[in-house]
PDB file of N, CA and C in Angstrom:
ATOM      1  N   MET A   1      94.902 128.926  65.831  1.00  0.00           N
ATOM      2  CA  MET A   1      96.154 128.917  66.548  1.00  0.00           C
ATOM      3  C   MET A   1      96.349 127.556  67.213  1.00  0.00           C
ATOM      4  N   GLU A   2      97.569 127.193  67.303  1.00  0.00           N
ATOM      5  CA  GLU A   2      97.912 125.919  67.923  1.00  0.00           C
ATOM      6  C   GLU A   2      98.087 126.101  69.430  1.00  0.00           C
ATOM      7  N   SER A   3      98.031 124.999  70.138  1.00  0.00           N
ATOM      8  CA  SER A   3      98.144 125.016  71.592  1.00  0.00           C
ATOM      9  C   SER A   3      99.433 125.676  72.062  1.00  0.00           C
ATOM     10  N   ASP A   4     100.554 125.402  71.391  1.00  0.00           N
ATOM     11  CA  ASP A   4     101.818 125.998  71.827  1.00  0.00           C
ATOM     12  C   ASP A   4     101.833 127.507  71.605  1.00  0.00           C
ATOM     13  N   GLU A   5     101.148 127.979  70.578  1.00  0.00           N
ATOM     14  CA  GLU A   5     101.056 129.414  70.335  1.00  0.00           C
ATOM     15  C   GLU A   5     100.218 130.094  71.415  1.00  0.00           C
ATOM     16  N   ILE A   6      99.138 129.453  71.815  1.00  0.00           N
ATOM     17  CA  ILE A   6      98.294 129.993  72.878  1.00  0.00           C
ATOM     18  C   ILE A   6      99.059 129.999  74.195  1.00  0.00           C
ATOM     19  N   ASN A   7      99.787 128.924  74.477  1.00  0.00           N
ATOM     20  CA  ASN A   7     100.597 128.875  75.694  1.00  0.00           C
ATOM     21  C   ASN A   7     101.637 129.984  75.693  1.00  0.00           C
ATOM     22  N   SER A   8     102.218 130.259  74.543  1.00  0.00           N
ATOM     23  CA  SER A   8     103.202 131.327  74.421  1.00  0.00           C
ATOM     24  C   SER A   8     102.545 132.688  74.646  1.00  0.00           C
ATOM     25  N   LEU A   9     101.381 132.902  74.063  1.00  0.00           N
ATOM     26  CA  LEU A   9     100.645 134.151  74.255  1.00  0.00           C
ATOM     27  C   LEU A   9     100.299 134.334  75.730  1.00  0.00           C
ATOM     28  N   TYR A  10      99.758 133.304  76.345  1.00  0.00           N
ATOM     29  CA  TYR A  10      99.395 133.353  77.760  1.00  0.00           C
ATOM     30  C   TYR A  10     100.646 133.613  78.598  1.00  0.00           C
ATOM     31  N   GLY A  11     101.724 132.934  78.291  1.00  0.00           N
ATOM     32  CA  GLY A  11     102.970 133.100  79.025  1.00  0.00           C
ATOM     33  C   GLY A  11     103.597 134.473  78.855  1.00  0.00           C
ATOM     34  N   SER A  12     103.251 135.170  77.780  1.00  0.00           N
ATOM     35  CA  SER A  12     103.814 136.499  77.551  1.00  0.00           C
ATOM     36  C   SER A  12     103.160 137.559  78.435  1.00  0.00           C
ATOM     37  N   LEU A  13     102.028 137.206  79.033  1.00  0.00           N
ATOM     38  CA  LEU A  13     101.361 138.136  79.943  1.00  0.00           C
ATOM     39  C   LEU A  13     102.128 138.173  81.261  1.00  0.00           C
ATOM     40  N   SER A  14     102.091 139.311  81.920  1.00  0.00           N
ATOM     41  CA  SER A  14     102.728 139.398  83.240  1.00  0.00           C
ATOM     42  C   SER A  14     101.928 138.547  84.222  1.00  0.00           C
ATOM     43  N   ALA A  15     102.555 138.193  85.338  1.00  0.00           N
ATOM     44  CA  ALA A  15     101.870 137.383  86.353  1.00  0.00           C
ATOM     45  C   ALA A  15     100.570 138.045  86.816  1.00  0.00           C
ATOM     46  N   PRO A  16     100.561 139.360  87.101  1.00  0.00           N
ATOM     47  CA  PRO A  16      99.292 139.988  87.495  1.00  0.00           C
ATOM     48  C   PRO A  16      98.230 139.932  86.385  1.00  0.00           C
ATOM     49  N   ASP A  17      98.680 140.062  85.139  1.00  0.00           N
ATOM     50  CA  ASP A  17      97.728 139.993  84.022  1.00  0.00           C
ATOM     51  C   ASP A  17      97.148 138.584  83.877  1.00  0.00           C
ATOM     52  N   ARG A  18      97.984 137.568  84.085  1.00  0.00           N
ATOM     53  CA  ARG A  18      97.469 136.192  84.039  1.00  0.00           C
ATOM     54  C   ARG A  18      96.473 135.956  85.166  1.00  0.00           C
ATOM     55  N   GLU A  19      96.779 136.477  86.352  1.00  0.00           N
ATOM     56  CA  GLU A  19      95.853 136.346  87.480  1.00  0.00           C
ATOM     57  C   GLU A  19      94.531 137.042  87.176  1.00  0.00           C
ATOM     58  N   MET A  20      94.608 138.247  86.588  1.00  0.00           N
ATOM     59  CA  MET A  20      93.403 138.988  86.221  1.00  0.00           C
ATOM     60  C   MET A  20      92.593 138.215  85.187  1.00  0.00           C
ATOM     61  N   LEU A  21      93.270 137.646  84.222  1.00  0.00           N
ATOM     62  CA  LEU A  21      92.595 136.880  83.179  1.00  0.00           C
ATOM     63  C   LEU A  21      91.863 135.684  83.769  1.00  0.00           C
ATOM     64  N   LEU A  22      92.533 134.944  84.641  1.00  0.00           N
ATOM     65  CA  LEU A  22      91.903 133.766  85.251  1.00  0.00           C
ATOM     66  C   LEU A  22      90.769 134.170  86.175  1.00  0.00           C
ATOM     67  N   ALA A  23      90.932 135.272  86.910  1.00  0.00           N
ATOM     68  CA  ALA A  23      89.855 135.751  87.780  1.00  0.00           C
ATOM     69  C   ALA A  23      88.650 136.180  86.948  1.00  0.00           C
ATOM     70  N   ALA A  24      88.911 136.843  85.823  1.00  0.00           N
ATOM     71  CA  ALA A  24      87.813 137.254  84.940  1.00  0.00           C
ATOM     72  C   ALA A  24      87.106 136.040  84.358  1.00  0.00           C
ATOM     73  N   PHE A  25      87.880 135.026  84.003  1.00  0.00           N
ATOM     74  CA  PHE A  25      87.264 133.807  83.471  1.00  0.00           C
ATOM     75  C   PHE A  25      86.398 133.143  84.532  1.00  0.00           C
ATOM     76  N   ASP A  26      86.931 133.021  85.757  1.00  0.00           N
ATOM     77  CA  ASP A  26      86.171 132.396  86.839  1.00  0.00           C
ATOM     78  C   ASP A  26      84.892 133.171  87.140  1.00  0.00           C
ATOM     79  N   ALA A  27      84.989 134.503  87.162  1.00  0.00           N
ATOM     80  CA  ALA A  27      83.806 135.329  87.422  1.00  0.00           C
ATOM     81  C   ALA A  27      82.774 135.176  86.311  1.00  0.00           C
ATOM     82  N   THR A  28      83.247 135.145  85.079  1.00  0.00           N
ATOM     83  CA  THR A  28      82.344 134.954  83.943  1.00  0.00           C
ATOM     84  C   THR A  28      81.640 133.608  84.041  1.00  0.00           C
ATOM     85  N   GLU A  29      82.392 132.591  84.392  1.00  0.00           N
ATOM     86  CA  GLU A  29      81.839 131.244  84.510  1.00  0.00           C
ATOM     87  C   GLU A  29      80.809 131.185  85.641  1.00  0.00           C
ATOM     88  N   ARG A  30      81.107 131.806  86.779  1.00  0.00           N
ATOM     89  CA  ARG A  30      80.183 131.797  87.923  1.00  0.00           C
ATOM     90  C   ARG A  30      78.881 132.516  87.617  1.00  0.00           C
ATOM     91  N   GLU A  31      78.971 133.618  86.886  1.00  0.00           N
ATOM     92  CA  GLU A  31      77.805 134.452  86.654  1.00  0.00           C
ATOM     93  C   GLU A  31      77.049 134.109  85.369  1.00  0.00           C
ATOM     94  N   SER A  32      77.570 133.196  84.608  1.00  0.00           N
ATOM     95  CA  SER A  32      76.932 132.809  83.350  1.00  0.00           C
ATOM     96  C   SER A  32      75.653 132.023  83.602  1.00  0.00           C
ATOM     97  N   LYS A  33      74.649 132.305  82.797  1.00  0.00           N
ATOM     98  CA  LYS A  33      73.398 131.530  82.869  1.00  0.00           C
ATOM     99  C   LYS A  33      73.601 130.123  82.337  1.00  0.00           C
ATOM    100  N   THR A  34      74.603 129.968  81.489  1.00  0.00           N
ATOM    101  CA  THR A  34      74.915 128.647  80.929  1.00  0.00           C
ATOM    102  C   THR A  34      76.408 128.371  81.064  1.00  0.00           C
ATOM    103  N   PRO A  35      76.874 128.100  82.290  1.00  0.00           N
ATOM    104  CA  PRO A  35      78.307 127.856  82.480  1.00  0.00           C
ATOM    105  C   PRO A  35      78.781 126.625  81.709  1.00  0.00           C
ATOM    106  N   ILE A  36      80.040 126.648  81.323  1.00  0.00           N
ATOM    107  CA  ILE A  36      80.584 125.523  80.565  1.00  0.00           C
ATOM    108  C   ILE A  36      81.233 124.484  81.471  1.00  0.00           C
ATOM    109  N   ASN A  37      81.396 124.845  82.760  1.00  0.00           N
ATOM    110  CA  ASN A  37      81.955 123.933  83.760  1.00  0.00           C
ATOM    111  C   ASN A  37      83.330 123.393  83.372  1.00  0.00           C
ATOM    112  N   LYS A  38      84.162 124.295  82.886  1.00  0.00           N
ATOM    113  CA  LYS A  38      85.550 123.979  82.553  1.00  0.00           C
ATOM    114  C   LYS A  38      86.425 125.077  83.119  1.00  0.00           C
ATOM    115  N   GLY A  39      87.641 124.733  83.450  1.00  0.00           N
ATOM    116  CA  GLY A  39      88.624 125.745  83.792  1.00  0.00           C
ATOM    117  C   GLY A  39      89.208 126.343  82.526  1.00  0.00           C
ATOM    118  N   PHE A  40      89.844 127.495  82.658  1.00  0.00           N
ATOM    119  CA  PHE A  40      90.418 128.155  81.484  1.00  0.00           C
ATOM    120  C   PHE A  40      91.371 127.244  80.729  1.00  0.00           C
ATOM    121  N   ARG A  41      92.240 126.533  81.462  1.00  0.00           N
ATOM    122  CA  ARG A  41      93.227 125.683  80.812  1.00  0.00           C
ATOM    123  C   ARG A  41      92.607 124.447  80.166  1.00  0.00           C
ATOM    124  N   GLU A  42      91.334 124.169  80.456  1.00  0.00           N
ATOM    125  CA  GLU A  42      90.640 123.039  79.836  1.00  0.00           C
ATOM    126  C   GLU A  42      89.978 123.422  78.512  1.00  0.00           C
ATOM    127  N   LEU A  43      89.924 124.716  78.226  1.00  0.00           N
ATOM    128  CA  LEU A  43      89.339 125.158  76.966  1.00  0.00           C
ATOM    129  C   LEU A  43      90.246 124.752  75.815  1.00  0.00           C
ATOM    130  N   ASN A  44      89.659 124.625  74.639  1.00  0.00           N
ATOM    131  CA  ASN A  44      90.504 124.347  73.482  1.00  0.00           C
ATOM    132  C   ASN A  44      91.251 125.626  73.091  1.00  0.00           C
ATOM    133  N   PRO A  45      92.293 125.520  72.285  1.00  0.00           N
ATOM    134  CA  PRO A  45      93.106 126.698  71.955  1.00  0.00           C
ATOM    135  C   PRO A  45      92.298 127.869  71.391  1.00  0.00           C
ATOM    136  N   LYS A  46      91.324 127.595  70.549  1.00  0.00           N
ATOM    137  CA  LYS A  46      90.516 128.680  69.977  1.00  0.00           C
ATOM    138  C   LYS A  46      89.740 129.403  71.067  1.00  0.00           C
ATOM    139  N   GLU A  47      89.147 128.659  71.985  1.00  0.00           N
ATOM    140  CA  GLU A  47      88.386 129.268  73.075  1.00  0.00           C
ATOM    141  C   GLU A  47      89.300 130.093  73.982  1.00  0.00           C
ATOM    142  N   GLN A  48      90.484 129.566  74.272  1.00  0.00           N
ATOM    143  CA  GLN A  48      91.440 130.310  75.096  1.00  0.00           C
ATOM    144  C   GLN A  48      91.851 131.604  74.399  1.00  0.00           C
ATOM    145  N   PHE A  49      92.148 131.516  73.117  1.00  0.00           N
ATOM    146  CA  PHE A  49      92.542 132.695  72.355  1.00  0.00           C
ATOM    147  C   PHE A  49      91.440 133.746  72.375  1.00  0.00           C
ATOM    148  N   LEU A  50      90.207 133.331  72.116  1.00  0.00           N
ATOM    149  CA  LEU A  50      89.095 134.277  72.103  1.00  0.00           C
ATOM    150  C   LEU A  50      88.909 134.942  73.458  1.00  0.00           C
ATOM    151  N   PHE A  51      89.047 134.180  74.535  1.00  0.00           N
ATOM    152  CA  PHE A  51      88.881 134.778  75.850  1.00  0.00           C
ATOM    153  C   PHE A  51      90.013 135.756  76.146  1.00  0.00           C
ATOM    154  N   ILE A  52      91.244 135.415  75.791  1.00  0.00           N
ATOM    155  CA  ILE A  52      92.362 136.330  75.995  1.00  0.00           C
ATOM    156  C   ILE A  52      92.137 137.629  75.220  1.00  0.00           C
ATOM    157  N   VAL A  53      91.734 137.522  73.969  1.00  0.00           N
ATOM    158  CA  VAL A  53      91.485 138.708  73.145  1.00  0.00           C
ATOM    159  C   VAL A  53      90.356 139.539  73.744  1.00  0.00           C
ATOM    160  N   PHE A  54      89.292 138.876  74.173  1.00  0.00           N
ATOM    161  CA  PHE A  54      88.160 139.570  74.785  1.00  0.00           C
ATOM    162  C   PHE A  54      88.605 140.324  76.040  1.00  0.00           C
ATOM    163  N   ALA A  55      89.363 139.673  76.903  1.00  0.00           N
ATOM    164  CA  ALA A  55      89.826 140.296  78.145  1.00  0.00           C
ATOM    165  C   ALA A  55      90.749 141.475  77.850  1.00  0.00           C
ATOM    166  N   LEU A  56      91.671 141.318  76.906  1.00  0.00           N
ATOM    167  CA  LEU A  56      92.569 142.415  76.540  1.00  0.00           C
ATOM    168  C   LEU A  56      91.800 143.591  75.954  1.00  0.00           C
ATOM    169  N   HIS A  57      90.788 143.306  75.183  1.00  0.00           N
ATOM    170  CA  HIS A  57      89.947 144.365  74.606  1.00  0.00           C
ATOM    171  C   HIS A  57      89.291 145.181  75.722  1.00  0.00           C
ATOM    172  N   ILE A  58      88.758 144.503  76.721  1.00  0.00           N
ATOM    173  CA  ILE A  58      88.108 145.198  77.832  1.00  0.00           C
ATOM    174  C   ILE A  58      89.117 146.063  78.584  1.00  0.00           C
ATOM    175  N   VAL A  59      90.284 145.510  78.874  1.00  0.00           N
ATOM    176  CA  VAL A  59      91.315 146.262  79.594  1.00  0.00           C
ATOM    177  C   VAL A  59      91.722 147.495  78.795  1.00  0.00           C
ATOM    178  N   LEU A  60      91.954 147.338  77.512  1.00  0.00           N
ATOM    179  CA  LEU A  60      92.347 148.474  76.683  1.00  0.00           C
ATOM    180  C   LEU A  60      91.247 149.523  76.606  1.00  0.00           C
ATOM    181  N   THR A  61      90.002 149.098  76.532  1.00  0.00           N
ATOM    182  CA  THR A  61      88.880 150.029  76.492  1.00  0.00           C
ATOM    183  C   THR A  61      88.828 150.857  77.780  1.00  0.00           C
ATOM    184  N   VAL A  62      89.013 150.198  78.914  1.00  0.00           N
ATOM    185  CA  VAL A  62      89.006 150.911  80.202  1.00  0.00           C
ATOM    186  C   VAL A  62      90.158 151.898  80.268  1.00  0.00           C
ATOM    187  N   VAL A  63      91.348 151.466  79.856  1.00  0.00           N
ATOM    188  CA  VAL A  63      92.512 152.359  79.885  1.00  0.00           C
ATOM    189  C   VAL A  63      92.289 153.570  78.992  1.00  0.00           C
ATOM    190  N   ILE A  64      91.778 153.365  77.807  1.00  0.00           N
ATOM    191  CA  ILE A  64      91.512 154.470  76.883  1.00  0.00           C
ATOM    192  C   ILE A  64      90.481 155.416  77.474  1.00  0.00           C
ATOM    193  N   ASP A  65      89.409 154.877  78.037  1.00  0.00           N
ATOM    194  CA  ASP A  65      88.374 155.715  78.657  1.00  0.00           C
ATOM    195  C   ASP A  65      88.941 156.528  79.812  1.00  0.00           C
ATOM    196  N   GLU A  66      89.774 155.903  80.641  1.00  0.00           N
ATOM    197  CA  GLU A  66      90.391 156.604  81.771  1.00  0.00           C
ATOM    198  C   GLU A  66      91.335 157.701  81.284  1.00  0.00           C
ATOM    199  N   THR A  67      92.054 157.439  80.211  1.00  0.00           N
ATOM    200  CA  THR A  67      92.974 158.422  79.651  1.00  0.00           C
ATOM    201  C   THR A  67      92.220 159.652  79.136  1.00  0.00           C
ATOM    202  N   LYS A  68      91.057 159.428  78.560  1.00  0.00           N
ATOM    203  CA  LYS A  68      90.254 160.537  78.027  1.00  0.00           C
ATOM    204  C   LYS A  68      89.734 161.433  79.143  1.00  0.00           C
ATOM    205  N   LYS A  69      89.578 160.896  80.349  1.00  0.00           N
ATOM    206  CA  LYS A  69      89.054 161.675  81.475  1.00  0.00           C
ATOM    207  C   LYS A  69      90.074 162.657  82.033  1.00  0.00           C
ATOM    208  N   THR A  70      91.351 162.388  81.772  1.00  0.00           N
ATOM    209  CA  THR A  70      92.390 163.251  82.349  1.00  0.00           C
ATOM    210  C   THR A  70      92.859 164.311  81.392  1.00  0.00           C
TER     211      THR A  70
END
C-alpha cells in the first residue's frame, strides 16, 4: 500500500479509534523488549498498515467474544 492509501485508511477511523490505535502503539512500544523507538507516523506504510490491521483484529475479537457472552 502507498502512503496516501494508509493515510486514507487511518483517516477513515473515528477520532476515538485513532486515539485508541496510537495509545495501543505507544503501549506496545513501551512494553516491548526490543522497542523500535519510532512514533506510529514514522513507520513506513507497510508497518502502519500491519499495525492498523493487528489493532482492528484485536478489537473485533473482543467485540465478538463479548457478544457471545450475552
